[in-house]
PDB file of all heavy atoms in Angstrom:
ATOM      1  N   GLY A   1      -5.583  -1.718  -3.470  1.00  0.00           N
ATOM      2  CA  GLY A   1      -4.513  -0.860  -3.015  1.00  0.00           C
ATOM      3  C   GLY A   1      -4.954   0.585  -3.005  1.00  0.00           C
ATOM      4  O   GLY A   1      -4.685   1.238  -2.030  1.00  0.00           O
ATOM      5  N   ALA A   2      -5.623   1.032  -3.992  1.00  0.00           N
ATOM      6  CA  ALA A   2      -6.044   2.411  -4.118  1.00  0.00           C
ATOM      7  C   ALA A   2      -7.100   2.701  -2.946  1.00  0.00           C
ATOM      8  O   ALA A   2      -7.046   3.783  -2.336  1.00  0.00           O
ATOM      9  CB  ALA A   2      -6.650   2.771  -5.467  1.00  0.00           C
ATOM     10  N   LEU A   3      -8.056   1.801  -2.824  1.00  0.00           N
ATOM     11  CA  LEU A   3      -9.107   1.987  -1.788  1.00  0.00           C
ATOM     12  C   LEU A   3      -8.478   1.983  -0.397  1.00  0.00           C
ATOM     13  O   LEU A   3      -8.871   2.900   0.408  1.00  0.00           O
ATOM     14  CB  LEU A   3     -10.092   0.874  -1.878  1.00  0.00           C
ATOM     15  CG  LEU A   3     -11.222   0.939  -0.832  1.00  0.00           C
ATOM     16  CD1 LEU A   3     -12.016   2.186  -0.922  1.00  0.00           C
ATOM     17  CD2 LEU A   3     -12.155  -0.286  -1.009  1.00  0.00           C
ATOM     18  N   TRP A   4      -7.582   1.161  -0.079  1.00  0.00           N
ATOM     19  CA  TRP A   4      -6.910   1.194   1.227  1.00  0.00           C
ATOM     20  C   TRP A   4      -6.252   2.428   1.540  1.00  0.00           C
ATOM     21  O   TRP A   4      -6.327   2.984   2.619  1.00  0.00           O
ATOM     22  CB  TRP A   4      -5.879  -0.065   1.334  1.00  0.00           C
ATOM     23  CG  TRP A   4      -5.529  -0.325   2.792  1.00  0.00           C
ATOM     24  CD1 TRP A   4      -6.096  -1.063   3.680  1.00  0.00           C
ATOM     25  CD2 TRP A   4      -4.374   0.312   3.423  1.00  0.00           C
ATOM     26  NE1 TRP A   4      -5.431  -1.081   4.890  1.00  0.00           N
ATOM     27  CE2 TRP A   4      -4.349  -0.205   4.797  1.00  0.00           C
ATOM     28  CE3 TRP A   4      -3.378   1.240   3.028  1.00  0.00           C
ATOM     29  CZ2 TRP A   4      -3.411   0.161   5.694  1.00  0.00           C
ATOM     30  CZ3 TRP A   4      -2.427   1.560   4.029  1.00  0.00           C
ATOM     31  CH2 TRP A   4      -2.432   1.046   5.340  1.00  0.00           C
ATOM     32  N   LEU A   5      -5.486   3.024   0.520  1.00  0.00           N
ATOM     33  CA  LEU A   5      -4.766   4.276   0.721  1.00  0.00           C
ATOM     34  C   LEU A   5      -5.765   5.418   0.870  1.00  0.00           C
ATOM     35  O   LEU A   5      -5.509   6.263   1.793  1.00  0.00           O
ATOM     36  CB  LEU A   5      -3.881   4.523  -0.477  1.00  0.00           C
ATOM     37  CG  LEU A   5      -2.679   3.641  -0.611  1.00  0.00           C
ATOM     38  CD1 LEU A   5      -1.918   3.957  -1.849  1.00  0.00           C
ATOM     39  CD2 LEU A   5      -1.727   3.840   0.643  1.00  0.00           C
ATOM     40  N   VAL A   6      -6.888   5.352   0.166  1.00  0.00           N
ATOM     41  CA  VAL A   6      -7.882   6.395   0.322  1.00  0.00           C
ATOM     42  C   VAL A   6      -8.582   6.420   1.673  1.00  0.00           C
ATOM     43  O   VAL A   6      -8.801   7.411   2.357  1.00  0.00           O
ATOM     44  CB  VAL A   6      -9.004   6.261  -0.728  1.00  0.00           C
ATOM     45  CG1 VAL A   6     -10.186   7.100  -0.476  1.00  0.00           C
ATOM     46  CG2 VAL A   6      -8.371   6.736  -2.126  1.00  0.00           C
ATOM     47  N   VAL A   7      -8.899   5.153   2.191  1.00  0.00           N
ATOM     48  CA  VAL A   7      -9.486   5.000   3.560  1.00  0.00           C
ATOM     49  C   VAL A   7      -8.423   5.522   4.594  1.00  0.00           C
ATOM     50  O   VAL A   7      -8.805   6.216   5.515  1.00  0.00           O
ATOM     51  CB  VAL A   7      -9.834   3.538   3.784  1.00  0.00           C
ATOM     52  CG1 VAL A   7     -10.161   3.365   5.329  1.00  0.00           C
ATOM     53  CG2 VAL A   7     -10.920   3.077   2.898  1.00  0.00           C
ATOM     54  N   LEU A   8      -7.164   5.147   4.412  1.00  0.00           N
ATOM     55  CA  LEU A   8      -6.104   5.634   5.363  1.00  0.00           C
ATOM     56  C   LEU A   8      -6.101   7.153   5.400  1.00  0.00           C
ATOM     57  O   LEU A   8      -6.041   7.723   6.448  1.00  0.00           O
ATOM     58  CB  LEU A   8      -4.711   5.062   4.912  1.00  0.00           C
ATOM     59  CG  LEU A   8      -3.538   5.582   5.637  1.00  0.00           C
ATOM     60  CD1 LEU A   8      -3.635   5.228   7.124  1.00  0.00           C
ATOM     61  CD2 LEU A   8      -2.225   5.094   5.028  1.00  0.00           C
ATOM     62  N   LEU A   9      -6.070   7.777   4.253  1.00  0.00           N
ATOM     63  CA  LEU A   9      -5.956   9.299   4.163  1.00  0.00           C
ATOM     64  C   LEU A   9      -7.270   9.830   4.744  1.00  0.00           C
ATOM     65  O   LEU A   9      -7.191  10.823   5.504  1.00  0.00           O
ATOM     66  CB  LEU A   9      -5.871   9.697   2.723  1.00  0.00           C
ATOM     67  CG  LEU A   9      -5.960  11.148   2.448  1.00  0.00           C
ATOM     68  CD1 LEU A   9      -4.842  11.885   3.147  1.00  0.00           C
ATOM     69  CD2 LEU A   9      -5.881  11.450   0.900  1.00  0.00           C
ATOM     70  N   SER A  10      -8.462   9.261   4.476  1.00  0.00           N
ATOM     71  CA  SER A  10      -9.682   9.825   4.988  1.00  0.00           C
ATOM     72  C   SER A  10      -9.823   9.686   6.498  1.00  0.00           C
ATOM     73  O   SER A  10     -10.285  10.618   7.160  1.00  0.00           O
ATOM     74  CB  SER A  10     -10.830   9.096   4.243  1.00  0.00           C
ATOM     75  OG  SER A  10     -10.832   9.261   2.868  1.00  0.00           O
ATOM     76  N   LEU A  11      -9.430   8.580   7.048  1.00  0.00           N
ATOM     77  CA  LEU A  11      -9.436   8.390   8.480  1.00  0.00           C
ATOM     78  C   LEU A  11      -8.479   9.334   9.206  1.00  0.00           C
ATOM     79  O   LEU A  11      -8.796   9.859  10.238  1.00  0.00           O
ATOM     80  CB  LEU A  11      -9.122   6.923   8.881  1.00  0.00           C
ATOM     81  CG  LEU A  11     -10.247   5.925   8.517  1.00  0.00           C
ATOM     82  CD1 LEU A  11      -9.743   4.437   8.829  1.00  0.00           C
ATOM     83  CD2 LEU A  11     -11.608   6.189   9.156  1.00  0.00           C
ATOM     84  N   ASN A  12      -7.254   9.492   8.613  1.00  0.00           N
ATOM     85  CA  ASN A  12      -6.337  10.445   9.230  1.00  0.00           C
ATOM     86  C   ASN A  12      -6.963  11.839   9.175  1.00  0.00           C
ATOM     87  O   ASN A  12      -6.778  12.678  10.098  1.00  0.00           O
ATOM     88  CB  ASN A  12      -4.989  10.382   8.426  1.00  0.00           C
ATOM     89  CG  ASN A  12      -4.082   9.293   8.928  1.00  0.00           C
ATOM     90  OD1 ASN A  12      -4.094   9.018  10.098  1.00  0.00           O
ATOM     91  ND2 ASN A  12      -3.361   8.691   8.008  1.00  0.00           N
ATOM     92  N   LEU A  13      -7.588  12.242   8.032  1.00  0.00           N
ATOM     93  CA  LEU A  13      -8.139  13.559   7.827  1.00  0.00           C
ATOM     94  C   LEU A  13      -9.278  13.777   8.950  1.00  0.00           C
ATOM     95  O   LEU A  13      -9.303  14.825   9.550  1.00  0.00           O
ATOM     96  CB  LEU A  13      -8.707  13.711   6.476  1.00  0.00           C
ATOM     97  CG  LEU A  13      -9.349  15.054   6.192  1.00  0.00           C
ATOM     98  CD1 LEU A  13      -8.364  16.244   6.288  1.00  0.00           C
ATOM     99  CD2 LEU A  13      -9.992  14.995   4.756  1.00  0.00           C
ATOM    100  N   THR A  14     -10.200  12.827   8.978  1.00  0.00           N
ATOM    101  CA  THR A  14     -11.298  13.097   9.900  1.00  0.00           C
ATOM    102  C   THR A  14     -10.909  13.056  11.396  1.00  0.00           C
ATOM    103  O   THR A  14     -11.683  13.616  12.180  1.00  0.00           O
ATOM    104  CB  THR A  14     -12.395  11.976   9.656  1.00  0.00           C
ATOM    105  OG1 THR A  14     -11.788  10.661   9.774  1.00  0.00           O
ATOM    106  CG2 THR A  14     -12.985  12.060   8.283  1.00  0.00           C
ATOM    107  N   GLY A  15      -9.752  12.458  11.657  1.00  0.00           N
ATOM    108  CA  GLY A  15      -9.302  12.450  13.038  1.00  0.00           C
ATOM    109  C   GLY A  15      -8.295  13.585  13.391  1.00  0.00           C
ATOM    110  O   GLY A  15      -7.828  13.713  14.517  1.00  0.00           O
ATOM    111  N   SER A  16      -8.107  14.482  12.449  1.00  0.00           N
ATOM    112  CA  SER A  16      -7.207  15.623  12.600  1.00  0.00           C
ATOM    113  C   SER A  16      -7.921  16.869  13.072  1.00  0.00           C
ATOM    114  O   SER A  16      -9.181  16.900  13.121  1.00  0.00           O
ATOM    115  CB  SER A  16      -6.471  15.917  11.282  1.00  0.00           C
ATOM    116  OG  SER A  16      -7.366  16.387  10.348  1.00  0.00           O
ATOM    117  N   LEU A  17      -7.222  17.950  13.308  1.00  0.00           N
ATOM    118  CA  LEU A  17      -7.878  19.221  13.743  1.00  0.00           C
ATOM    119  C   LEU A  17      -8.683  19.674  12.517  1.00  0.00           C
ATOM    120  O   LEU A  17      -9.766  20.234  12.745  1.00  0.00           O
ATOM    121  CB  LEU A  17      -6.850  20.306  14.079  1.00  0.00           C
ATOM    122  CG  LEU A  17      -6.113  20.093  15.410  1.00  0.00           C
ATOM    123  CD1 LEU A  17      -5.028  21.072  15.617  1.00  0.00           C
ATOM    124  CD2 LEU A  17      -7.106  20.129  16.551  1.00  0.00           C
ATOM    125  N   TYR A  18      -8.249  19.510  11.325  1.00  0.00           N
ATOM    126  CA  TYR A  18      -8.983  19.911  10.120  1.00  0.00           C
ATOM    127  C   TYR A  18     -10.290  19.094  10.073  1.00  0.00           C
ATOM    128  O   TYR A  18     -11.337  19.645   9.761  1.00  0.00           O
ATOM    129  CB  TYR A  18      -8.138  19.606   8.881  1.00  0.00           C
ATOM    130  CG  TYR A  18      -8.689  20.271   7.572  1.00  0.00           C
ATOM    131  CD1 TYR A  18      -8.325  21.525   7.166  1.00  0.00           C
ATOM    132  CD2 TYR A  18      -9.665  19.582   6.858  1.00  0.00           C
ATOM    133  CE1 TYR A  18      -8.785  22.081   6.028  1.00  0.00           C
ATOM    134  CE2 TYR A  18     -10.118  20.134   5.673  1.00  0.00           C
ATOM    135  CZ  TYR A  18      -9.724  21.415   5.319  1.00  0.00           C
ATOM    136  OH  TYR A  18     -10.207  21.943   4.153  1.00  0.00           O
ATOM    137  N   GLY A  19     -10.190  17.905  10.393  1.00  0.00           N
ATOM    138  CA  GLY A  19     -11.415  17.019  10.430  1.00  0.00           C
ATOM    139  C   GLY A  19     -12.438  17.475  11.487  1.00  0.00           C
ATOM    140  O   GLY A  19     -13.669  17.456  11.201  1.00  0.00           O
ATOM    141  N   TYR A  20     -11.928  17.929  12.606  1.00  0.00           N
ATOM    142  CA  TYR A  20     -12.830  18.422  13.666  1.00  0.00           C
ATOM    143  C   TYR A  20     -13.502  19.727  13.110  1.00  0.00           C
ATOM    144  O   TYR A  20     -14.681  19.977  13.475  1.00  0.00           O
ATOM    145  CB  TYR A  20     -12.116  18.680  14.994  1.00  0.00           C
ATOM    146  CG  TYR A  20     -11.652  17.389  15.592  1.00  0.00           C
ATOM    147  CD1 TYR A  20     -10.355  17.269  16.083  1.00  0.00           C
ATOM    148  CD2 TYR A  20     -12.487  16.288  15.739  1.00  0.00           C
ATOM    149  CE1 TYR A  20      -9.905  16.066  16.673  1.00  0.00           C
ATOM    150  CE2 TYR A  20     -12.104  15.078  16.311  1.00  0.00           C
ATOM    151  CZ  TYR A  20     -10.792  15.004  16.789  1.00  0.00           C
ATOM    152  OH  TYR A  20     -10.376  13.808  17.379  1.00  0.00           O
ATOM    153  N   GLY A  21     -12.756  20.507  12.389  1.00  0.00           N
ATOM    154  CA  GLY A  21     -13.356  21.743  11.804  1.00  0.00           C
ATOM    155  C   GLY A  21     -14.405  21.365  10.791  1.00  0.00           C
ATOM    156  O   GLY A  21     -15.476  22.007  10.769  1.00  0.00           O
ATOM    157  N   MET A  22     -14.156  20.256   9.990  1.00  0.00           N
ATOM    158  CA  MET A  22     -15.226  19.747   9.127  1.00  0.00           C
ATOM    159  C   MET A  22     -16.484  19.336   9.809  1.00  0.00           C
ATOM    160  O   MET A  22     -17.634  19.674   9.417  1.00  0.00           O
ATOM    161  CB  MET A  22     -14.631  18.504   8.313  1.00  0.00           C
ATOM    162  CG  MET A  22     -13.909  18.792   7.089  1.00  0.00           C
ATOM    163  SD  MET A  22     -13.748  17.319   6.077  1.00  0.00           S
ATOM    164  CE  MET A  22     -13.450  16.050   7.248  1.00  0.00           C
ATOM    165  N   ARG A  23     -16.298  18.573  10.938  1.00  0.00           N
ATOM    166  CA  ARG A  23     -17.446  18.180  11.701  1.00  0.00           C
ATOM    167  C   ARG A  23     -18.196  19.327  12.233  1.00  0.00           C
ATOM    168  O   ARG A  23     -19.478  19.354  12.294  1.00  0.00           O
ATOM    169  CB  ARG A  23     -17.017  17.231  12.833  1.00  0.00           C
ATOM    170  CG  ARG A  23     -16.363  15.904  12.329  1.00  0.00           C
ATOM    171  CD  ARG A  23     -15.776  15.157  13.509  1.00  0.00           C
ATOM    172  NE  ARG A  23     -14.929  14.046  13.145  1.00  0.00           N
ATOM    173  CZ  ARG A  23     -15.387  12.812  12.939  1.00  0.00           C
ATOM    174  NH1 ARG A  23     -16.654  12.544  13.237  1.00  0.00           N
ATOM    175  NH2 ARG A  23     -14.544  11.857  12.675  1.00  0.00           N
ATOM    176  N   ALA A  24     -17.478  20.301  12.711  1.00  0.00           N
ATOM    177  CA  ALA A  24     -18.109  21.524  13.362  1.00  0.00           C
ATOM    178  C   ALA A  24     -18.946  22.230  12.229  1.00  0.00           C
ATOM    179  O   ALA A  24     -20.011  22.666  12.439  1.00  0.00           O
ATOM    180  CB  ALA A  24     -17.125  22.420  13.983  1.00  0.00           C
ATOM    181  N   LEU A  25     -18.379  22.314  11.047  1.00  0.00           N
ATOM    182  CA  LEU A  25     -18.989  22.944   9.955  1.00  0.00           C
ATOM    183  C   LEU A  25     -20.278  22.211   9.580  1.00  0.00           C
ATOM    184  O   LEU A  25     -21.341  22.861   9.279  1.00  0.00           O
ATOM    185  CB  LEU A  25     -18.046  23.004   8.685  1.00  0.00           C
ATOM    186  CG  LEU A  25     -18.656  23.358   7.343  1.00  0.00           C
ATOM    187  CD1 LEU A  25     -19.200  24.771   7.421  1.00  0.00           C
ATOM    188  CD2 LEU A  25     -17.617  23.291   6.239  1.00  0.00           C
ATOM    189  N   GLY A  26     -20.238  20.845   9.561  1.00  0.00           N
ATOM    190  CA  GLY A  26     -21.392  20.088   9.291  1.00  0.00           C
ATOM    191  C   GLY A  26     -22.498  20.223  10.249  1.00  0.00           C
ATOM    192  O   GLY A  26     -23.638  20.189   9.932  1.00  0.00           O
ATOM    193  N   LEU A  27     -22.111  20.527  11.499  1.00  0.00           N
ATOM    194  CA  LEU A  27     -23.183  20.760  12.569  1.00  0.00           C
ATOM    195  C   LEU A  27     -23.750  22.101  12.529  1.00  0.00           C
ATOM    196  O   LEU A  27     -24.994  22.306  12.626  1.00  0.00           O
ATOM    197  CB  LEU A  27     -22.518  20.492  13.920  1.00  0.00           C
ATOM    198  CG  LEU A  27     -22.147  19.028  14.276  1.00  0.00           C
ATOM    199  CD1 LEU A  27     -21.339  18.926  15.533  1.00  0.00           C
ATOM    200  CD2 LEU A  27     -23.431  18.158  14.338  1.00  0.00           C
ATOM    201  N   SER A  28     -22.924  23.092  12.336  1.00  0.00           N
ATOM    202  CA  SER A  28     -23.406  24.490  12.329  1.00  0.00           C
ATOM    203  C   SER A  28     -22.329  25.420  11.665  1.00  0.00           C
ATOM    204  O   SER A  28     -21.304  25.615  12.336  1.00  0.00           O
ATOM    205  CB  SER A  28     -23.757  24.988  13.798  1.00  0.00           C
ATOM    206  OG  SER A  28     -24.053  26.342  13.733  1.00  0.00           O
ATOM    207  N   GLU A  29     -22.677  26.017  10.550  1.00  0.00           N
ATOM    208  CA  GLU A  29     -21.691  26.898   9.906  1.00  0.00           C
ATOM    209  C   GLU A  29     -21.556  28.096  10.704  1.00  0.00           C
ATOM    210  O   GLU A  29     -20.447  28.677  10.914  1.00  0.00           O
ATOM    211  CB  GLU A  29     -22.119  27.117   8.486  1.00  0.00           C
ATOM    212  CG  GLU A  29     -21.138  27.979   7.731  1.00  0.00           C
ATOM    213  CD  GLU A  29     -21.505  28.083   6.238  1.00  0.00           C
ATOM    214  OE1 GLU A  29     -22.324  27.338   5.786  1.00  0.00           O
ATOM    215  OE2 GLU A  29     -20.846  28.952   5.563  1.00  0.00           O
ATOM    216  N   ALA A  30     -22.654  28.692  11.162  1.00  0.00           N
ATOM    217  CA  ALA A  30     -22.645  29.924  11.924  1.00  0.00           C
ATOM    218  C   ALA A  30     -21.837  29.758  13.269  1.00  0.00           C
ATOM    219  O   ALA A  30     -21.024  30.568  13.620  1.00  0.00           O
ATOM    220  CB  ALA A  30     -23.965  30.395  12.246  1.00  0.00           C
ATOM    221  N   GLY A  31     -22.099  28.584  13.908  1.00  0.00           N
ATOM    222  CA  GLY A  31     -21.362  28.336  15.100  1.00  0.00           C
ATOM    223  C   GLY A  31     -19.884  28.103  14.886  1.00  0.00           C
ATOM    224  O   GLY A  31     -19.063  28.517  15.692  1.00  0.00           O
ATOM    225  N   SER A  32     -19.535  27.503  13.716  1.00  0.00           N
ATOM    226  CA  SER A  32     -18.095  27.325  13.402  1.00  0.00           C
ATOM    227  C   SER A  32     -17.455  28.651  13.212  1.00  0.00           C
ATOM    228  O   SER A  32     -16.348  28.808  13.592  1.00  0.00           O
ATOM    229  CB  SER A  32     -17.988  26.430  12.151  1.00  0.00           C
ATOM    230  OG  SER A  32     -18.560  25.213  12.339  1.00  0.00           O
TER     231      SER A  32
END
């Protein structure tokens, strides 16, 4: 139950605008 909720939260986060900001940061901090 705990793992499923963590996966749900994580997938929602990575698919959000905040998540896109994370991905951009991972690619290039200066570019972000």
